[in-house]
Amino acid sequence: MVESSEDDETELLSAKDSDTKNSLPETNSKKKYGMLLFLAFLQCLSRGSDTLIYPFYPEVARAKGVTMEYIGIVYSAYDFARFIFSPFFGTILSRWPPKSMCIVGTLISGCSVIFFGYVGVISSGRCFLALCTALRVFTGVGSSMVTISTTSILLKASGFQSTNVIGIVEIGTGMAFAFGTALGGTLYEFVGYTATFWVSGGALVISTLFIAVFIPAVVEEENKSQQGFFQLLTIPGCVLLCLTYVLARLQTTCRTIGLEELYIEKLGSNPAVLGLLYAVWSAIYIASCAVATRLLNKFPQSNYLALVISWIWSGVTALLICPSPLLDFIFHGKKYFWLTTIDMVFVHIPTSVIYITLFRATLNLAEINGYKKDNLHTYGMVTGLVSGAMSLGSTIGPVISGLIIESIGFGWTTTYLAFTNFILALFIGCYSIYMRVTGQPTEVVESQGNEEVKEEAVYNTEKVDNVREVNEKIIEKYLKPQNLIKVYLQQPASDSSTK
């Protein structure tokens, strides 16, 4: 073999050190799964700071003279901050190490939640409202930093496929909405207003210690992509997918608002039963996220087909929630408890597929259009764009949904949402057909993960003498040329003579 120069050796060793810094030891898979579970839990804890106040805050705010209109502003301030700041933090991620951003964002969220527990002592309604809104903004800013940094760390350093990472993050988000409200109501009942925020905010602050000790420092040695955030918005497919994100979140909010009136006022149920149903539906959503992840991994080129099927499925279920007045020839205007309850189970299944697939499709479009693959700059901007689109839907959702439901009723609202779903399925299908007809790729098939390559190389060391030759064949089979040096250097050298 030709000996390399001293400069080349230095460069190769530097590449090896950078790759080692960006990942956990491949021989200890427990640490990788531990990091995955901890960051998913952190995402759950951070997003749960939003729903924590829902069960008891209206009662406390009305006692200060704050009307429901302004209480809605306090609720929306969290997602409005995420909408504004998520693209910004995603853009600067390559210059601000994700681990540092995660620590700072967790501290901001935790301290804001703790301070929120002390605004209850303020007697003035205006001061109370202003401070609550400001603290919700800070909580949203910290939460956006946590979401972007944790997602990017997992995509870059864990070695898992992007679909698995997105599925785990979405499970953490689902758990936040499932248990955040229940945890807030339980803590408020047993420990009081201030202690409730101390428990939640304190858990976030303590989490920073675990981040500092157990999460690897991820850096990007290579120069970032030349394309910026606004270039990402010029990609037609990304605009369509972002609009889909906004409408998906708006529909989720609309169902949440309308179901309360439907169950309590028209079906004769009570808040306790409705809370239990939400817990069951959330558990089904979490399970469906895991199933959707497995299916999307098994069929890696099915992004747009999965979106079309899911939106059609979602449209059909939307017609049956209330049910739609268009179906009066079947239901004769009657409302049914079990029909709505079972239908909501089938609503959550396509919703999980939509959220996971939209992220993966957006990431694929960015990479196809020149953004570097496996790059913090790309991960940060895509995560910021997706998080901002979802937060925009959550911000405008309560206002628009409330106005529509009040003017035309929940039955007609879900009817219009159903046809919106059908139109989205048509647009996505037409876009996919157009891209294929014009010969433009729409999806990137992920290669086998690096950890599998290295495990196969280790197994071969026990069977053959010429390990380097076998490992080179494995590398050529699974990895791109620019990654050959990094993986090659991590393989153990073996000499048949020494054996």
Protein backbone atom coordinates (compact mmCIF):
# COMPACT_ATOMS: atom_id res chain seq x y z
CA MET A 1 0.00 0.00 0.00
CA VAL A 2 1.16 3.58 -0.64
CA GLU A 3 2.14 5.37 2.53
CA SER A 4 0.34 8.61 3.19
CA SER A 5 2.14 11.83 4.00
CA GLU A 6 2.28 13.29 7.48
CA ASP A 7 -0.21 16.02 6.57
CA ASP A 8 -2.65 13.47 5.21
CA GLU A 9 -2.37 11.42 8.37
CA THR A 10 -3.05 14.49 10.48
CA GLU A 11 -6.12 15.32 8.43
CA LEU A 12 -7.44 11.77 8.65
CA LEU A 13 -6.91 11.59 12.38
CA SER A 14 -8.72 14.92 12.77
CA ALA A 15 -11.68 13.50 10.85
CA LYS A 16 -11.63 10.45 13.09
CA ASP A 17 -11.60 12.56 16.26
CA SER A 18 -14.51 14.67 15.00
CA ASP A 19 -16.60 11.61 14.20
CA THR A 20 -15.84 10.10 17.61
CA LYS A 21 -16.91 13.31 19.30
CA ASN A 22 -20.20 13.33 17.43
CA SER A 23 -21.28 9.86 18.49
CA LEU A 24 -21.45 7.50 21.41
CA PRO A 25 -19.25 4.41 21.48
CA GLU A 26 -20.69 1.92 19.02
CA THR A 27 -19.76 -1.00 21.26
CA ASN A 28 -22.12 0.19 24.00
CA SER A 29 -25.60 0.28 22.50
CA LYS A 30 -27.12 0.83 25.94
CA LYS A 31 -25.71 4.35 26.00
CA LYS A 32 -27.23 5.09 22.60
CA TYR A 33 -30.66 3.87 23.61
CA GLY A 34 -30.30 5.66 26.94
CA MET A 35 -29.58 8.92 25.14
CA LEU A 36 -32.55 8.33 22.83
CA LEU A 37 -34.96 7.72 25.73
CA PHE A 38 -33.62 10.61 27.82
CA LEU A 39 -33.91 13.17 25.01
CA ALA A 40 -37.42 11.90 24.21
CA PHE A 41 -38.30 12.33 27.88
CA LEU A 42 -36.78 15.83 27.83
CA GLN A 43 -38.90 16.70 24.81
CA CYS A 44 -41.96 15.39 26.66
CA LEU A 45 -41.09 17.42 29.76
CA SER A 46 -40.46 20.59 27.75
CA ARG A 47 -43.66 20.37 25.68
CA GLY A 48 -45.61 19.34 28.78
CA SER A 49 -44.90 22.78 30.25
CA ASP A 50 -47.47 24.07 27.74
CA THR A 51 -50.41 21.85 28.72
CA LEU A 52 -49.57 21.90 32.44
CA ILE A 53 -51.73 24.98 33.13
CA TYR A 54 -54.83 23.97 31.18
CA PRO A 55 -56.84 22.30 34.01
CA PHE A 56 -56.61 25.09 36.61
CA TYR A 57 -55.33 28.33 35.05
CA PRO A 58 -58.74 29.64 33.82
CA GLU A 59 -60.09 29.47 37.37
CA VAL A 60 -57.09 31.33 38.79
CA ALA A 61 -57.13 33.95 36.00
CA ARG A 62 -60.86 34.66 36.29
CA ALA A 63 -60.38 35.26 40.01
CA LYS A 64 -58.01 38.09 39.00
CA GLY A 65 -60.63 39.59 36.70
CA VAL A 66 -59.15 38.22 33.44
CA THR A 67 -61.72 37.25 30.79
CA MET A 68 -61.58 34.10 28.66
CA GLU A 69 -60.58 36.18 25.63
CA TYR A 70 -57.33 37.22 27.33
CA ILE A 71 -56.81 33.75 28.77
CA GLY A 72 -56.71 32.56 25.17
CA ILE A 73 -53.92 35.07 24.50
CA VAL A 74 -51.90 33.57 27.36
CA TYR A 75 -52.41 30.10 25.91
CA SER A 76 -51.40 31.18 22.38
CA ALA A 77 -48.28 33.08 23.54
CA TYR A 78 -46.38 29.80 23.96
CA ASP A 79 -46.90 28.56 20.40
CA PHE A 80 -46.54 32.07 18.97
CA ALA A 81 -43.04 32.26 20.47
CA ARG A 82 -42.19 28.84 19.02
CA PHE A 83 -43.45 29.99 15.61
CA ILE A 84 -41.28 33.14 15.66
CA PHE A 85 -38.09 31.72 17.15
CA SER A 86 -37.94 28.14 15.80
CA PRO A 87 -36.68 29.16 12.32
CA PHE A 88 -34.12 31.49 13.91
CA PHE A 89 -32.67 28.86 16.24
CA GLY A 90 -32.70 26.30 13.43
CA THR A 91 -30.66 28.64 11.25
CA ILE A 92 -27.95 29.35 13.86
CA LEU A 93 -27.68 25.73 15.03
CA SER A 94 -24.49 25.08 13.05
CA ARG A 95 -22.81 28.04 14.80
CA TRP A 96 -24.22 27.35 18.27
CA PRO A 97 -23.46 23.75 19.39
CA PRO A 98 -26.69 21.78 19.91
CA LYS A 99 -25.66 20.60 23.38
CA SER A 100 -25.19 24.18 24.58
CA MET A 101 -28.47 25.24 22.99
CA CYS A 102 -30.24 22.34 24.69
CA ILE A 103 -28.85 23.31 28.12
CA VAL A 104 -29.75 27.00 27.71
CA GLY A 105 -33.22 26.21 26.35
CA THR A 106 -33.95 23.79 29.20
CA LEU A 107 -32.84 26.39 31.77
CA ILE A 108 -35.00 29.10 30.18
CA SER A 109 -38.05 26.83 30.13
CA GLY A 110 -37.49 25.56 33.67
CA CYS A 111 -36.93 29.00 35.22
CA SER A 112 -39.92 30.47 33.34
CA VAL A 113 -42.17 27.69 34.63
CA ILE A 114 -40.93 28.22 38.22
CA PHE A 115 -41.49 32.00 38.01
CA PHE A 116 -44.99 31.35 36.64
CA GLY A 117 -45.85 29.84 40.01
CA TYR A 118 -45.30 33.18 41.75
CA VAL A 119 -47.51 35.41 39.58
CA GLY A 120 -50.50 34.18 41.58
CA VAL A 121 -49.60 36.58 44.39
CA ILE A 122 -50.20 39.60 42.11
CA SER A 123 -53.56 41.22 42.78
CA SER A 124 -53.72 43.50 39.73
CA GLY A 125 -55.37 41.75 36.80
CA ARG A 126 -53.39 43.70 34.18
CA CYS A 127 -50.01 42.99 35.77
CA PHE A 128 -51.01 39.36 36.24
CA LEU A 129 -51.97 39.06 32.56
CA ALA A 130 -48.81 40.83 31.32
CA LEU A 131 -46.45 38.69 33.40
CA CYS A 132 -48.23 35.45 32.48
CA THR A 133 -48.01 36.30 28.79
CA ALA A 134 -44.32 37.24 29.03
CA LEU A 135 -43.44 34.05 30.92
CA ARG A 136 -45.34 31.93 28.41
CA VAL A 137 -43.30 33.58 25.64
CA PHE A 138 -40.05 32.72 27.44
CA THR A 139 -41.26 29.17 27.99
CA GLY A 140 -42.02 28.86 24.28
CA VAL A 141 -38.58 30.23 23.36
CA GLY A 142 -36.86 27.68 25.60
CA SER A 143 -39.08 24.89 24.29
CA SER A 144 -38.20 25.70 20.67
CA MET A 145 -34.50 25.53 21.55
CA VAL A 146 -34.99 22.15 23.21
CA THR A 147 -36.96 20.72 20.27
CA ILE A 148 -34.47 21.83 17.62
CA SER A 149 -31.34 20.83 19.56
CA THR A 150 -32.58 17.43 20.76
CA THR A 151 -33.88 16.45 17.32
CA SER A 152 -30.63 17.52 15.65
CA ILE A 153 -28.49 15.68 18.23
CA LEU A 154 -30.43 12.47 17.68
CA LEU A 155 -30.30 12.79 13.90
CA LYS A 156 -26.57 13.52 13.91
CA ALA A 157 -25.11 11.50 16.77
CA SER A 158 -27.36 8.55 17.59
CA GLY A 159 -26.77 6.56 14.40
CA PHE A 160 -30.48 5.71 14.10
CA GLN A 161 -32.43 6.25 10.90
CA SER A 162 -34.20 9.60 10.63
CA THR A 163 -37.63 7.93 10.61
CA ASN A 164 -36.88 6.27 13.96
CA VAL A 165 -35.68 9.55 15.44
CA ILE A 166 -38.73 11.46 14.21
CA GLY A 167 -41.01 8.73 15.54
CA ILE A 168 -39.41 8.86 19.00
CA VAL A 169 -39.61 12.66 19.11
CA GLU A 170 -43.27 12.53 18.08
CA ILE A 171 -43.95 9.93 20.78
CA GLY A 172 -42.41 12.31 23.33
CA THR A 173 -44.64 15.11 22.05
CA GLY A 174 -47.70 12.86 22.21
CA MET A 175 -46.87 11.89 25.78
CA ALA A 176 -46.59 15.58 26.67
CA PHE A 177 -50.11 16.28 25.48
CA ALA A 178 -51.39 13.05 27.01
CA PHE A 179 -49.98 13.46 30.50
CA GLY A 180 -49.21 17.19 30.79
CA THR A 181 -52.81 18.13 31.52
CA ALA A 182 -53.32 15.18 33.88
CA LEU A 183 -50.10 15.95 35.75
CA GLY A 184 -51.01 19.62 36.10
CA GLY A 185 -54.47 18.90 37.44
CA THR A 186 -53.19 16.28 39.89
CA LEU A 187 -50.37 18.43 41.25
CA TYR A 188 -52.63 21.46 41.61
CA GLU A 189 -55.14 19.39 43.56
CA PHE A 190 -52.61 17.95 46.02
CA VAL A 191 -49.74 20.47 46.36
CA GLY A 192 -51.24 23.80 45.27
CA TYR A 193 -50.54 26.43 42.63
CA THR A 194 -46.93 27.42 43.35
CA ALA A 195 -45.65 23.92 44.15
CA THR A 196 -47.07 22.62 40.87
CA PHE A 197 -44.72 24.85 38.90
CA TRP A 198 -41.80 24.10 41.21
CA VAL A 199 -42.15 20.38 40.46
CA SER A 200 -42.38 20.81 36.68
CA GLY A 201 -39.84 23.62 36.36
CA GLY A 202 -37.46 22.00 38.84
CA ALA A 203 -37.45 18.80 36.81
CA LEU A 204 -36.38 20.79 33.75
CA VAL A 205 -33.60 22.59 35.63
CA ILE A 206 -32.26 19.33 37.06
CA SER A 207 -32.31 17.81 33.56
CA THR A 208 -29.55 20.21 32.51
CA LEU A 209 -27.11 18.28 34.72
CA PHE A 210 -27.85 15.07 32.83
CA ILE A 211 -27.50 16.88 29.50
CA ALA A 212 -24.08 18.21 30.50
CA VAL A 213 -22.81 14.80 31.64
CA PHE A 214 -24.37 12.20 29.35
CA ILE A 215 -25.12 13.94 26.02
CA PRO A 216 -22.22 14.07 23.50
CA ALA A 217 -20.95 17.39 22.18
CA VAL A 218 -21.93 17.47 18.51
CA VAL A 219 -19.93 19.74 16.21
CA GLU A 220 -19.82 20.23 12.45
CA GLU A 221 -16.25 20.28 11.16
CA GLU A 222 -17.21 20.73 7.53
CA ASN A 223 -18.40 24.01 6.10
CA LYS A 224 -22.14 24.42 6.19
CA SER A 225 -24.33 24.34 3.10
CA GLN A 226 -24.46 27.53 1.09
CA GLN A 227 -28.25 27.52 1.02
CA GLY A 228 -30.02 29.39 3.79
CA PHE A 229 -33.45 29.27 5.39
CA PHE A 230 -35.20 31.40 2.77
CA GLN A 231 -33.82 29.21 -0.02
CA LEU A 232 -35.55 26.33 1.73
CA LEU A 233 -38.85 28.18 1.39
CA THR A 234 -38.37 28.55 -2.36
CA ILE A 235 -38.66 24.79 -2.85
CA PRO A 236 -42.29 24.25 -3.99
CA GLY A 237 -42.61 20.93 -2.19
CA CYS A 238 -41.44 22.42 1.12
CA VAL A 239 -44.08 25.14 0.90
CA LEU A 240 -46.76 22.51 0.27
CA LEU A 241 -45.56 20.37 3.18
CA CYS A 242 -45.41 23.36 5.53
CA LEU A 243 -48.98 24.31 4.60
CA THR A 244 -49.95 20.72 5.34
CA TYR A 245 -48.32 20.99 8.76
CA VAL A 246 -50.27 24.17 9.54
CA LEU A 247 -53.58 22.62 8.51
CA ALA A 248 -52.86 19.42 10.43
CA ARG A 249 -52.28 21.33 13.68
CA LEU A 250 -55.30 23.57 13.01
CA GLN A 251 -57.53 20.52 12.62
CA THR A 252 -56.20 18.96 15.82
CA THR A 253 -57.03 22.16 17.71
CA CYS A 254 -60.47 22.36 16.11
CA ARG A 255 -61.31 18.81 17.20
CA THR A 256 -60.14 19.54 20.74
CA ILE A 257 -62.38 22.60 21.03
CA GLY A 258 -65.43 21.04 19.37
CA LEU A 259 -65.35 17.73 21.22
CA GLU A 260 -65.75 19.43 24.61
CA GLU A 261 -69.05 20.96 23.54
CA LEU A 262 -70.18 17.80 21.77
CA TYR A 263 -69.56 15.43 24.68
CA ILE A 264 -70.69 17.65 27.55
CA GLU A 265 -73.61 19.59 26.05
CA LYS A 266 -75.03 17.19 23.45
CA LEU A 267 -74.00 13.72 24.62
CA GLY A 268 -74.59 14.35 28.33
CA SER A 269 -71.09 13.37 29.39
CA ASN A 270 -68.84 15.13 31.96
CA PRO A 271 -65.25 16.49 32.05
CA ALA A 272 -63.92 13.46 33.93
CA VAL A 273 -65.09 11.06 31.21
CA LEU A 274 -63.75 13.37 28.51
CA GLY A 275 -60.37 13.55 30.26
CA LEU A 276 -60.22 9.76 30.42
CA LEU A 277 -61.06 9.51 26.72
CA TYR A 278 -58.28 11.95 25.85
CA ALA A 279 -55.83 9.80 27.81
CA VAL A 280 -56.94 6.69 25.88
CA TRP A 281 -56.77 8.48 22.53
CA SER A 282 -53.30 9.83 23.34
CA ALA A 283 -52.10 6.33 24.25
CA ILE A 284 -53.40 5.08 20.90
CA TYR A 285 -51.62 7.94 19.16
CA ILE A 286 -48.33 7.01 20.86
CA ALA A 287 -48.71 3.37 19.85
CA SER A 288 -49.59 4.30 16.28
CA CYS A 289 -46.42 6.44 16.09
CA ALA A 290 -44.35 3.35 16.84
CA VAL A 291 -46.22 1.27 14.24
CA ALA A 292 -45.99 4.04 11.63
CA THR A 293 -42.23 4.27 12.17
CA ARG A 294 -41.79 0.55 11.51
CA LEU A 295 -43.92 0.66 8.37
CA LEU A 296 -42.18 3.73 6.94
CA ASN A 297 -38.79 2.10 7.55
CA LYS A 298 -39.97 -1.02 5.75
CA PHE A 299 -41.18 1.03 2.76
CA PRO A 300 -38.64 3.89 2.56
CA GLN A 301 -39.95 5.32 -0.74
CA SER A 302 -43.57 5.66 0.37
CA ASN A 303 -43.62 9.22 1.78
CA TYR A 304 -46.13 10.74 -0.61
CA LEU A 305 -48.23 7.62 -0.99
CA ALA A 306 -48.49 7.43 2.81
CA LEU A 307 -49.53 11.10 2.96
CA VAL A 308 -52.22 10.65 0.31
CA ILE A 309 -53.70 7.59 2.01
CA SER A 310 -53.55 9.23 5.46
CA TRP A 311 -55.30 12.43 4.35
CA ILE A 312 -58.07 10.46 2.63
CA TRP A 313 -58.43 8.31 5.76
CA SER A 314 -58.51 11.43 7.94
CA GLY A 315 -61.17 12.99 5.72
CA VAL A 316 -63.46 9.96 6.01
CA THR A 317 -63.12 9.88 9.81
CA ALA A 318 -63.82 13.64 9.98
CA LEU A 319 -67.20 13.06 8.36
CA LEU A 320 -68.16 10.61 11.13
CA ILE A 321 -67.03 12.52 14.24
CA CYS A 322 -70.16 14.60 14.77
CA PRO A 323 -71.43 13.08 12.31
CA SER A 324 -71.65 15.33 9.25
CA PRO A 325 -75.04 16.81 8.26
CA LEU A 326 -74.37 15.36 4.79
CA LEU A 327 -74.94 11.95 6.36
CA ASP A 328 -78.33 12.78 7.85
CA PHE A 329 -79.93 10.30 5.48
CA ILE A 330 -78.15 7.64 7.57
CA PHE A 331 -78.02 9.13 11.09
CA HIS A 332 -81.06 11.48 10.89
CA GLY A 333 -79.30 14.26 12.82
CA LYS A 334 -78.62 12.15 15.91
CA LYS A 335 -75.35 12.13 17.87
CA TYR A 336 -73.85 8.90 19.15
CA PHE A 337 -71.40 8.56 22.03
CA TRP A 338 -69.77 5.33 20.87
CA LEU A 339 -69.62 6.35 17.20
CA THR A 340 -67.66 9.50 18.07
CA THR A 341 -65.46 7.69 20.62
CA ILE A 342 -64.49 4.87 18.27
CA ASP A 343 -64.10 7.22 15.32
CA MET A 344 -61.61 9.32 17.31
CA VAL A 345 -59.48 6.19 17.68
CA PHE A 346 -59.24 5.95 13.89
CA VAL A 347 -58.57 9.70 13.64
CA HIS A 348 -55.33 9.41 15.61
CA ILE A 349 -53.87 6.62 13.47
CA PRO A 350 -53.44 8.65 10.23
CA THR A 351 -52.45 11.71 12.27
CA SER A 352 -49.31 9.95 13.53
CA VAL A 353 -48.39 8.92 9.98
CA ILE A 354 -48.91 12.48 8.73
CA TYR A 355 -46.63 14.13 11.29
CA ILE A 356 -43.79 11.60 10.93
CA THR A 357 -43.97 11.45 7.14
CA LEU A 358 -44.11 15.24 6.70
CA PHE A 359 -40.85 15.70 8.59
CA ARG A 360 -39.08 12.97 6.65
CA ALA A 361 -40.38 14.27 3.31
CA THR A 362 -39.26 17.82 4.11
CA LEU A 363 -35.78 16.59 5.08
CA ASN A 364 -35.56 14.57 1.86
CA LEU A 365 -36.56 17.55 -0.29
CA ALA A 366 -33.90 19.71 1.36
CA GLU A 367 -31.18 17.13 0.69
CA ILE A 368 -32.31 16.61 -2.91
CA ASN A 369 -32.14 20.36 -3.55
CA GLY A 370 -28.53 20.77 -2.47
CA TYR A 371 -28.57 20.82 1.33
CA LYS A 372 -25.88 18.55 2.72
CA LYS A 373 -26.89 15.15 4.01
CA ASP A 374 -26.16 14.33 7.67
CA ASN A 375 -25.35 17.98 8.36
CA LEU A 376 -26.27 20.07 11.44
CA HIS A 377 -27.02 23.07 9.25
CA THR A 378 -29.59 21.04 7.30
CA TYR A 379 -31.08 19.36 10.37
CA GLY A 380 -31.41 22.67 12.20
CA MET A 381 -33.14 24.54 9.38
CA VAL A 382 -35.54 21.70 8.56
CA THR A 383 -36.43 21.19 12.23
CA GLY A 384 -36.89 24.95 12.67
CA LEU A 385 -39.12 25.16 9.59
CA VAL A 386 -41.27 22.20 10.64
CA SER A 387 -41.53 23.35 14.27
CA GLY A 388 -42.47 26.87 13.16
CA ALA A 389 -45.18 25.57 10.81
CA MET A 390 -46.70 23.37 13.53
CA SER A 391 -46.61 26.24 16.03
CA LEU A 392 -48.31 28.57 13.54
CA GLY A 393 -51.16 26.07 13.26
CA SER A 394 -51.38 25.84 17.05
CA THR A 395 -51.38 29.65 17.35
CA ILE A 396 -54.16 30.44 14.89
CA GLY A 397 -56.06 27.22 15.53
CA PRO A 398 -57.93 28.24 18.71
CA VAL A 399 -59.04 31.59 17.23
CA ILE A 400 -60.13 30.32 13.82
CA SER A 401 -61.68 27.12 15.17
CA GLY A 402 -63.66 28.96 17.82
CA LEU A 403 -65.08 31.42 15.29
CA ILE A 404 -66.01 28.73 12.76
CA ILE A 405 -67.62 26.39 15.29
CA GLU A 406 -69.60 29.24 16.82
CA SER A 407 -70.92 30.41 13.45
CA ILE A 408 -71.74 27.14 11.65
CA GLY A 409 -71.57 24.44 14.33
CA PHE A 410 -69.20 21.54 14.93
CA GLY A 411 -70.92 19.23 12.44
CA TRP A 412 -70.43 21.51 9.44
CA THR A 413 -66.94 22.44 10.66
CA THR A 414 -65.79 18.82 10.53
CA THR A 415 -67.48 18.49 7.13
CA TYR A 416 -65.42 21.34 5.70
CA LEU A 417 -62.30 19.89 7.32
CA ALA A 418 -63.02 16.56 5.66
CA PHE A 419 -63.11 18.11 2.21
CA THR A 420 -59.95 20.08 3.06
CA ASN A 421 -58.29 16.74 3.75
CA PHE A 422 -59.43 15.36 0.39
CA ILE A 423 -58.08 18.46 -1.40
CA LEU A 424 -54.72 18.11 0.38
CA ALA A 425 -54.52 14.47 -0.68
CA LEU A 426 -55.20 15.56 -4.28
CA PHE A 427 -52.52 18.28 -4.20
CA ILE A 428 -49.89 15.98 -2.68
CA GLY A 429 -50.71 13.23 -5.15
CA CYS A 430 -50.51 15.62 -8.12
CA TYR A 431 -47.18 17.01 -6.88
CA SER A 432 -45.73 13.52 -6.53
CA ILE A 433 -46.92 12.56 -10.04
CA TYR A 434 -45.50 15.79 -11.51
CA MET A 435 -42.09 15.19 -9.94
CA ARG A 436 -41.96 11.61 -11.20
CA VAL A 437 -43.11 12.53 -14.73
CA THR A 438 -40.47 15.26 -14.99
CA GLY A 439 -37.79 12.91 -13.68
CA GLN A 440 -37.14 14.87 -10.48
CA PRO A 441 -36.46 12.81 -7.34
CA THR A 442 -38.76 13.35 -4.38
CA GLU A 443 -37.22 11.01 -1.84
CA VAL A 444 -33.85 9.87 -0.56
CA VAL A 445 -33.51 6.25 0.55
CA GLU A 446 -31.48 6.04 3.71
CA SER A 447 -28.53 3.70 3.70
CA GLN A 448 -27.93 1.16 6.42
CA GLY A 449 -26.89 2.79 9.67
CA ASN A 450 -23.20 3.12 10.51
CA GLU A 451 -23.57 1.07 13.66
CA GLU A 452 -24.77 -1.94 11.64
CA VAL A 453 -21.78 -1.63 9.30
CA LYS A 454 -19.35 -1.61 12.19
CA GLU A 455 -21.02 -4.52 13.93
CA GLU A 456 -20.77 -6.59 10.75
CA ALA A 457 -17.09 -5.66 10.49
CA VAL A 458 -16.48 -6.80 14.07
CA TYR A 459 -18.12 -10.15 13.40
CA ASN A 460 -15.84 -10.67 10.42
CA THR A 461 -12.73 -10.22 12.58
CA GLU A 462 -13.51 -13.55 14.21
CA LYS A 463 -13.75 -15.43 10.92
CA VAL A 464 -11.04 -14.16 8.58
CA ASP A 465 -7.50 -12.90 8.77
CA ASN A 466 -7.55 -10.09 6.23
CA VAL A 467 -9.96 -7.84 8.13
CA ARG A 468 -9.23 -4.63 6.27
CA GLU A 469 -10.10 -6.17 2.92
CA VAL A 470 -13.45 -7.46 4.21
CA ASN A 471 -14.27 -4.17 5.95
CA GLU A 472 -13.55 -2.20 2.78
CA LYS A 473 -16.08 -4.34 0.92
CA ILE A 474 -18.65 -3.69 3.64
CA ILE A 475 -17.99 0.04 3.48
CA GLU A 476 -18.36 0.10 -0.30
CA LYS A 477 -21.65 -1.76 0.04
CA TYR A 478 -23.32 0.58 2.52
CA LEU A 479 -21.64 3.96 2.67
CA LYS A 480 -20.96 6.85 0.34
CA PRO A 481 -17.36 7.63 -0.68
CA GLN A 482 -17.09 10.72 1.54
CA ASN A 483 -17.70 8.58 4.63
CA LEU A 484 -15.14 5.87 3.80
CA ILE A 485 -12.22 7.41 5.66
CA LYS A 486 -14.06 7.93 8.94
CA VAL A 487 -15.40 4.39 9.16
CA TYR A 488 -12.20 2.84 7.81
CA LEU A 489 -10.13 4.41 10.56
CA GLN A 490 -12.43 3.05 13.24
CA GLN A 491 -11.93 -0.58 12.18
CA PRO A 492 -9.32 -2.56 14.18
CA ALA A 493 -6.15 -3.32 12.26
CA SER A 494 -5.34 -7.02 11.96
CA ASP A 495 -2.35 -8.85 10.63
CA SER A 496 -2.47 -12.53 9.79
CA SER A 497 1.17 -12.94 10.74
CA THR A 498 0.57 -11.71 14.29
CA LYS A 499 -2.34 -14.11 14.61
